[in-house]
Protein backbone atom coordinates (compact mmCIF):
# COMPACT_ATOMS: atom_id res chain seq x y z
CA MET A 1 -14.24 -11.60 19.80
CA ALA A 2 -12.35 -9.15 17.64
CA VAL A 3 -13.82 -8.03 14.38
CA ASP A 4 -12.05 -9.34 11.30
CA TYR A 5 -10.90 -6.55 9.04
CA ALA A 6 -8.92 -8.81 6.72
CA GLY A 7 -8.58 -7.11 3.34
CA LYS A 8 -10.39 -3.95 4.38
CA VAL A 9 -8.81 -0.61 3.43
CA ALA A 10 -8.69 1.82 6.34
CA VAL A 11 -7.61 5.49 6.29
CA VAL A 12 -6.70 7.07 9.60
CA THR A 13 -6.12 10.86 9.81
CA GLY A 14 -3.90 11.86 12.66
CA GLY A 15 -2.62 8.34 12.45
CA ALA A 16 1.01 8.89 13.36
CA GLY A 17 0.49 9.49 17.12
CA GLY A 18 -1.78 9.06 20.12
CA ILE A 19 -5.18 7.50 19.45
CA GLY A 20 -4.55 7.44 15.75
CA ARG A 21 -1.41 5.36 16.05
CA GLY A 22 -3.33 2.98 18.40
CA LEU A 23 -6.04 2.69 15.73
CA VAL A 24 -3.49 1.92 13.08
CA HIS A 25 -1.93 -0.77 15.29
CA ALA A 26 -5.29 -2.33 16.02
CA LEU A 27 -6.41 -2.32 12.38
CA LEU A 28 -3.24 -3.90 11.19
CA ALA A 29 -3.43 -6.55 13.91
CA ARG A 30 -6.92 -7.39 12.60
CA GLY A 31 -5.78 -7.71 8.95
CA ALA A 32 -6.66 -4.31 7.44
CA ARG A 33 -4.52 -2.46 4.88
CA VAL A 34 -3.98 0.99 6.41
CA VAL A 35 -3.22 4.36 5.01
CA VAL A 36 -1.85 6.64 7.72
CA ALA A 37 -2.53 10.32 7.08
CA ASP A 38 -0.72 12.87 9.22
CA VAL A 39 0.74 16.31 8.92
CA GLU A 40 3.96 15.48 10.75
CA GLU A 41 6.29 13.84 8.22
CA GLY A 42 8.83 12.55 10.74
CA ALA A 43 6.12 10.94 12.89
CA LEU A 44 4.43 9.54 9.80
CA SER A 45 7.65 7.91 8.55
CA THR A 46 8.42 6.43 12.00
CA THR A 47 4.90 5.05 12.42
CA VAL A 48 4.99 3.37 9.02
CA ASP A 49 8.46 1.92 9.70
CA GLU A 50 7.60 0.70 13.16
CA LEU A 51 4.16 -0.77 12.42
CA GLY A 52 5.00 -2.15 8.95
CA THR A 53 5.85 -5.49 10.48
CA LEU A 54 2.18 -5.96 11.44
CA GLY A 55 0.80 -5.64 7.93
CA PRO A 56 0.39 -3.47 4.83
CA VAL A 57 0.68 0.16 5.84
CA ARG A 58 1.76 3.31 4.08
CA GLY A 59 1.78 6.99 4.86
CA VAL A 60 0.48 10.05 3.08
CA ARG A 61 1.34 13.45 4.44
CA THR A 62 -1.97 15.25 4.92
CA ASP A 63 -3.06 18.48 6.59
CA VAL A 64 -6.82 18.12 7.27
CA ALA A 65 -7.11 21.92 7.70
CA ASP A 66 -6.15 22.26 3.97
CA PRO A 67 -9.00 21.13 1.63
CA PRO A 68 -6.59 20.43 -1.36
CA SER A 69 -4.49 18.24 0.91
CA VAL A 70 -7.47 16.10 1.96
CA LEU A 71 -8.57 15.88 -1.70
CA SER A 72 -5.05 14.73 -2.62
CA LEU A 73 -5.31 12.04 0.12
CA ALA A 74 -8.59 10.74 -1.20
CA ASP A 75 -7.23 10.72 -4.83
CA ASP A 76 -4.17 8.83 -3.65
CA VAL A 77 -6.24 6.26 -1.69
CA TYR A 78 -8.61 5.57 -4.55
CA ALA A 79 -5.85 5.51 -7.19
CA THR A 80 -3.67 3.18 -5.10
CA GLU A 81 -6.04 1.13 -2.91
CA GLY A 82 -9.18 1.32 -5.13
CA ARG A 83 -11.49 2.04 -2.20
CA CYS A 84 -11.89 3.13 1.40
CA ASP A 85 -13.85 0.80 3.64
CA LEU A 86 -13.05 2.40 6.99
CA LEU A 87 -12.41 6.12 7.44
CA PHE A 88 -11.20 7.33 10.79
CA ALA A 89 -11.48 11.08 11.04
CA ASN A 90 -9.16 11.24 13.99
CA ALA A 91 -6.81 14.26 13.47
CA GLY A 92 -7.16 16.69 16.32
CA VAL A 93 -5.21 19.29 18.22
CA THR A 94 -5.33 21.37 21.40
CA SER A 95 -4.43 24.99 21.48
CA GLY A 96 -0.76 25.72 21.66
CA GLY A 97 -0.94 27.67 24.87
CA GLY A 98 -3.07 25.37 27.02
CA GLY A 99 -4.74 27.01 30.03
CA LEU A 100 -8.11 28.75 30.18
CA PRO A 101 -10.01 29.45 26.93
CA TRP A 102 -10.18 33.17 27.44
CA GLU A 103 -6.36 33.23 27.83
CA GLN A 104 -5.85 31.96 24.35
CA GLU A 105 -4.91 33.92 21.28
CA ILE A 106 -7.49 34.08 18.52
CA ASN A 107 -5.06 32.11 16.24
CA ASP A 108 -5.13 29.23 18.78
CA TRP A 109 -8.94 29.17 18.33
CA ARG A 110 -8.63 29.34 14.58
CA TRP A 111 -6.15 26.52 14.46
CA CYS A 112 -8.28 24.29 16.76
CA PHE A 113 -11.45 24.86 14.69
CA SER A 114 -9.62 24.49 11.39
CA VAL A 115 -8.38 21.04 12.40
CA ASN A 116 -10.98 19.73 14.91
CA VAL A 117 -14.16 20.94 13.21
CA PHE A 118 -13.51 21.85 9.62
CA GLY A 119 -10.90 19.10 9.21
CA VAL A 120 -13.40 16.47 10.19
CA ALA A 121 -16.06 18.08 7.90
CA GLN A 122 -13.57 18.27 4.98
CA THR A 123 -12.52 14.67 5.51
CA VAL A 124 -16.09 13.38 5.51
CA LEU A 125 -17.18 15.64 2.60
CA THR A 126 -14.26 14.44 0.53
CA PHE A 127 -14.51 10.73 1.20
CA LEU A 128 -18.19 10.00 1.81
CA PRO A 129 -19.44 10.57 -1.80
CA ARG A 130 -16.80 8.13 -3.05
CA MET A 131 -17.64 5.62 -0.29
CA LEU A 132 -21.33 5.81 -1.18
CA GLU A 133 -20.63 5.14 -4.84
CA ALA A 134 -18.68 2.00 -3.93
CA ASP A 135 -20.26 -1.33 -4.08
CA GLY A 136 -20.16 -2.57 -0.46
CA THR A 137 -20.40 -1.26 3.01
CA GLY A 138 -18.20 1.28 4.78
CA GLU A 139 -17.87 3.05 8.05
CA ILE A 140 -16.80 6.54 9.11
CA ILE A 141 -15.71 7.11 12.71
CA ALA A 142 -14.88 10.57 14.01
CA THR A 143 -12.86 11.00 17.17
CA SER A 144 -13.45 13.87 19.55
CA SER A 145 -12.49 14.78 23.05
CA GLY A 146 -14.89 15.39 25.92
CA ASP A 147 -14.87 19.09 25.17
CA GLY A 148 -16.12 18.46 21.64
CA GLY A 149 -12.72 18.99 20.21
CA VAL A 150 -13.08 22.74 20.02
CA ALA A 151 -12.23 24.22 23.39
CA PRO A 152 -8.64 25.01 24.13
């Protein structure tokens, strides 16, 4: 039996592609209102347009590696939706070069850590205090790959 998310407000970082887009689809199909956060504006717009027929969904361009961007997302969600019941810290990247970790440039490592580690931390640190202040229950789900989300 599927969980009923009717009326719940969900925020999905990295929601315009891959697992994130699948989460958005599943949440909408179960009655949630979804805010899709993604750094890629084109993919964000396409996702909102294509999944909008399933339920209330909107996009907010967000770079989880940039703390002011995450703060802006939270401010937008709470100003517009009034709350966040379900937070999916899903945004993640792999290094641009692929291949073996020791063959990567240091900037590939910085980028991976800034999104996959610090981006999750920033998302949780920004949303959790507001979620704890809310009257009700909430959930935070962080997505990671088998390598912990940090190895190229």
